[in-house]
Every structure is written in structure tokens, then in C-alpha cells.
Amino acid sequence: MNPIIQKYRQLSEREQRLVLIVAVFTLVLAFYALIWSPLNESIERNRTAVESQRTLLSWVQQHANRIIQLKQSGSATSRFSGSLTQAVNQSANQHGIAISRMQPQGEQLQVWVDAAEFNAVLSWLESLEQQGIVIDDADFSELSTPGHIRVRRLQLSAS
């Protein structure tokens, strides 16, 4: 560091001022490039993520009430009689849901759907419960398309 200071002192007064101005400009530029700009980009990314999560939360809250209503209405259902597979197929077709796989397991039936509109799935499940079909277990996942879900596994049985 000492040789740099000696070199600086050997410069004329005008050159020293110029070196100081360049040094300050370089420090400001380095601060902006290394600290300020990445920090602002990170803040903006986080704002976008928060807004996305708020939108998702709002959507889930809107549809949670519908799920509660479906659950409550399911308690006043009749007993099911007939072919579980046939009833599920007919009901799915009526609601525009394409079943990708169906597997009977004794008195139960497991169903998989690759992609379906969330509201259509809710209506479908409600109609199944109204027929007296019991939803024993369900596993859903969100798709990249807003308002659409994948039914990973839906386990049904006759009441």
C-alpha cells in the first residue's frame, strides 16, 4: 500500500484530484453493481413470489368454503347400490372428467385423473356422495394450469 501512496503523492495536484474523482466514481459504481442492484432484484423477486402466494391463498380460501359445503351435504346421502365402477364412470363422463386409470380393490375402487378442472372435480365428488358413494381417501396435486388439478389417488367405496 505504501508504494501506491508514494506514487499518488508524486502526481500533480490536478492529477491527484482526477484520481480521487475516479476512485469515488469506481466505489459508487462497485456499490451499485455488487450491492444495490442485486438487492433490488431480490426484493422484486420476493414481491412477485409473495403476490403469487397471496393469489393462491385467495383461490384456496374461496374454494375451501365449497369443500366444507360438499362435506356437510355428504352426510345426508343415501346408501349406494349397484356397480361402483359403472357409477363412477357415468358420473365422471357427466362432469367432463377423463379418468386415466381405475383399479377395483375388493369393495373399494381407486381412481386416477391426470388433469381436470378443480370445480368440475368438486361437482363430481359431490354427485358421487349424493349417490351414496363414500370418499375414503383422496390425494390431489396442483397443475401449472391455474384452476386445474391432478387426482393422484381417489379411493371410493359403497356406503
Protein backbone atom coordinates (compact mmCIF):
# COMPACT_ATOMS: atom_id res chain seq x y z
CA MET A 1 0.00 0.00 0.00
CA ASN A 2 2.92 2.29 0.71
CA PRO A 3 4.20 2.36 -2.91
CA ILE A 4 0.72 3.35 -4.09
CA ILE A 5 0.63 6.31 -1.68
CA GLN A 6 4.11 7.39 -2.80
CA LYS A 7 3.06 7.18 -6.44
CA TYR A 8 -0.07 9.24 -5.62
CA ARG A 9 1.97 11.96 -3.87
CA GLN A 10 4.26 12.22 -6.88
CA LEU A 11 1.30 13.21 -9.08
CA SER A 12 0.46 16.85 -9.66
CA GLU A 13 -2.43 18.39 -7.71
CA ARG A 14 -4.71 18.23 -10.74
CA GLU A 15 -3.88 14.56 -11.35
CA GLN A 16 -4.49 13.78 -7.66
CA ARG A 17 -7.99 15.33 -7.87
CA LEU A 18 -8.67 13.35 -11.02
CA VAL A 19 -7.55 10.10 -9.33
CA LEU A 20 -9.81 10.87 -6.33
CA ILE A 21 -12.79 11.55 -8.59
CA VAL A 22 -12.20 8.31 -10.49
CA ALA A 23 -11.77 6.40 -7.21
CA VAL A 24 -15.06 7.77 -5.81
CA PHE A 25 -16.85 7.04 -9.09
CA THR A 26 -15.43 3.49 -9.08
CA LEU A 27 -16.55 2.94 -5.47
CA VAL A 28 -20.06 4.20 -6.24
CA LEU A 29 -20.24 2.00 -9.34
CA ALA A 30 -18.97 -1.04 -7.39
CA PHE A 31 -21.51 -0.40 -4.62
CA TYR A 32 -24.32 -0.22 -7.16
CA ALA A 33 -23.20 -3.28 -9.13
CA LEU A 34 -22.30 -5.51 -6.18
CA ILE A 35 -24.84 -4.48 -3.52
CA TRP A 36 -27.67 -2.18 -4.60
CA SER A 37 -28.70 -3.81 -7.88
CA PRO A 38 -28.72 -7.45 -6.63
CA LEU A 39 -30.59 -6.35 -3.50
CA ASN A 40 -33.29 -4.60 -5.56
CA GLU A 41 -33.63 -7.61 -7.88
CA SER A 42 -34.01 -9.91 -4.88
CA ILE A 43 -36.65 -7.66 -3.35
CA GLU A 44 -38.59 -7.58 -6.63
CA ARG A 45 -38.43 -11.38 -6.97
CA ASN A 46 -39.71 -11.75 -3.41
CA ARG A 47 -42.54 -9.27 -4.05
CA THR A 48 -43.59 -11.29 -7.09
CA ALA A 49 -43.44 -14.55 -5.10
CA VAL A 50 -45.48 -13.06 -2.26
CA GLU A 51 -48.11 -11.77 -4.69
CA SER A 52 -48.29 -15.20 -6.33
CA GLN A 53 -48.74 -16.85 -2.93
CA ARG A 54 -51.45 -14.33 -1.98
CA THR A 55 -53.31 -15.13 -5.19
CA LEU A 56 -53.07 -18.85 -4.46
CA LEU A 57 -54.23 -18.33 -0.86
CA SER A 58 -57.21 -16.30 -2.05
CA TRP A 59 -58.13 -19.01 -4.55
CA VAL A 60 -57.85 -21.75 -1.90
CA GLN A 61 -59.94 -19.76 0.59
CA GLN A 62 -62.66 -19.20 -1.99
CA HIS A 63 -62.83 -22.90 -2.76
CA ALA A 64 -62.46 -24.08 0.85
CA ASN A 65 -66.00 -22.95 1.63
CA ARG A 66 -67.28 -25.04 -1.26
CA ILE A 67 -65.41 -28.09 0.06
CA ILE A 68 -66.94 -27.60 3.52
CA GLN A 69 -70.39 -27.36 1.95
CA LEU A 70 -69.78 -30.55 0.00
CA LYS A 71 -68.60 -32.33 3.11
CA GLN A 72 -71.66 -31.25 5.08
CA SER A 73 -74.06 -32.16 2.28
CA GLY A 74 -72.41 -35.58 2.04
CA SER A 75 -73.64 -36.56 5.48
CA ALA A 76 -77.25 -36.66 4.27
CA THR A 77 -76.68 -39.14 1.45
CA SER A 78 -78.43 -42.40 0.67
CA ARG A 79 -76.93 -45.86 0.57
CA PHE A 80 -75.35 -46.87 -2.73
CA SER A 81 -76.37 -50.00 -4.57
CA GLY A 82 -75.13 -51.16 -7.95
CA SER A 83 -71.83 -51.26 -9.79
CA LEU A 84 -69.34 -48.85 -8.24
CA THR A 85 -67.19 -48.81 -11.39
CA GLN A 86 -70.15 -48.07 -13.65
CA ALA A 87 -71.49 -45.32 -11.38
CA VAL A 88 -68.08 -43.62 -11.18
CA ASN A 89 -67.60 -43.82 -14.97
CA GLN A 90 -71.03 -42.38 -15.71
CA SER A 91 -70.65 -39.59 -13.18
CA ALA A 92 -67.17 -38.68 -14.46
CA ASN A 93 -68.47 -38.52 -18.04
CA GLN A 94 -71.35 -36.27 -16.97
CA HIS A 95 -68.88 -33.84 -15.39
CA GLY A 96 -66.39 -33.90 -18.26
CA ILE A 97 -63.67 -35.69 -16.31
CA ALA A 98 -61.40 -38.13 -18.12
CA ILE A 99 -60.40 -40.96 -15.81
CA SER A 100 -56.90 -42.13 -16.67
CA ARG A 101 -56.91 -45.28 -14.54
CA MET A 102 -59.35 -47.22 -12.39
CA GLN A 103 -58.48 -50.18 -10.17
CA PRO A 104 -61.04 -52.18 -8.15
CA GLN A 105 -59.80 -53.48 -4.79
CA GLY A 106 -62.44 -55.65 -3.19
CA GLU A 107 -65.26 -53.38 -2.04
CA GLN A 108 -63.23 -50.28 -2.91
CA LEU A 109 -62.25 -48.57 -6.13
CA GLN A 110 -59.16 -46.48 -6.75
CA VAL A 111 -59.35 -43.78 -9.43
CA TRP A 112 -56.66 -41.59 -11.03
CA VAL A 113 -57.22 -38.48 -13.17
CA ASP A 114 -54.30 -36.81 -14.97
CA ALA A 115 -55.85 -33.35 -15.33
CA ALA A 116 -59.23 -31.85 -14.55
CA GLU A 117 -60.74 -28.51 -13.64
CA PHE A 118 -60.94 -28.08 -9.87
CA ASN A 119 -64.60 -27.02 -9.88
CA ALA A 120 -65.56 -29.97 -12.08
CA VAL A 121 -63.81 -32.35 -9.67
CA LEU A 122 -65.69 -30.82 -6.74
CA SER A 123 -69.02 -31.20 -8.55
CA TRP A 124 -68.12 -34.77 -9.48
CA LEU A 125 -67.23 -35.67 -5.89
CA GLU A 126 -70.45 -34.08 -4.67
CA SER A 127 -72.52 -36.11 -7.13
CA LEU A 128 -70.72 -39.30 -6.07
CA GLU A 129 -71.52 -38.59 -2.42
CA GLN A 130 -75.14 -37.86 -3.31
CA GLN A 131 -75.32 -41.30 -4.90
CA GLY A 132 -74.12 -42.81 -1.62
CA ILE A 133 -70.51 -43.40 -2.70
CA VAL A 134 -68.04 -42.71 0.11
CA ILE A 135 -64.71 -40.97 -0.47
CA ASP A 136 -62.33 -42.91 1.76
CA ASP A 137 -59.10 -41.21 0.74
CA ALA A 138 -58.05 -38.56 -1.75
CA ASP A 139 -54.72 -37.17 -2.90
CA PHE A 140 -54.66 -34.13 -5.20
CA SER A 141 -51.86 -32.05 -6.67
CA GLU A 142 -51.82 -28.66 -8.34
CA LEU A 143 -51.01 -28.38 -12.03
CA SER A 144 -49.24 -25.50 -13.73
CA THR A 145 -52.52 -24.52 -15.40
CA PRO A 146 -54.48 -22.30 -12.97
CA GLY A 147 -57.69 -23.91 -11.71
CA HIS A 148 -56.68 -27.43 -12.74
CA ILE A 149 -55.60 -30.33 -10.55
CA ARG A 150 -54.38 -33.90 -10.82
CA VAL A 151 -56.14 -36.60 -8.84
CA ARG A 152 -53.19 -38.70 -7.77
CA ARG A 153 -55.41 -41.21 -5.99
CA LEU A 154 -59.07 -41.26 -5.10
CA GLN A 155 -60.26 -44.21 -3.05
CA LEU A 156 -64.02 -44.79 -3.17
CA SER A 157 -66.35 -47.31 -1.57
CA ALA A 158 -70.08 -48.00 -1.41
CA SER A 159 -71.71 -46.84 1.81
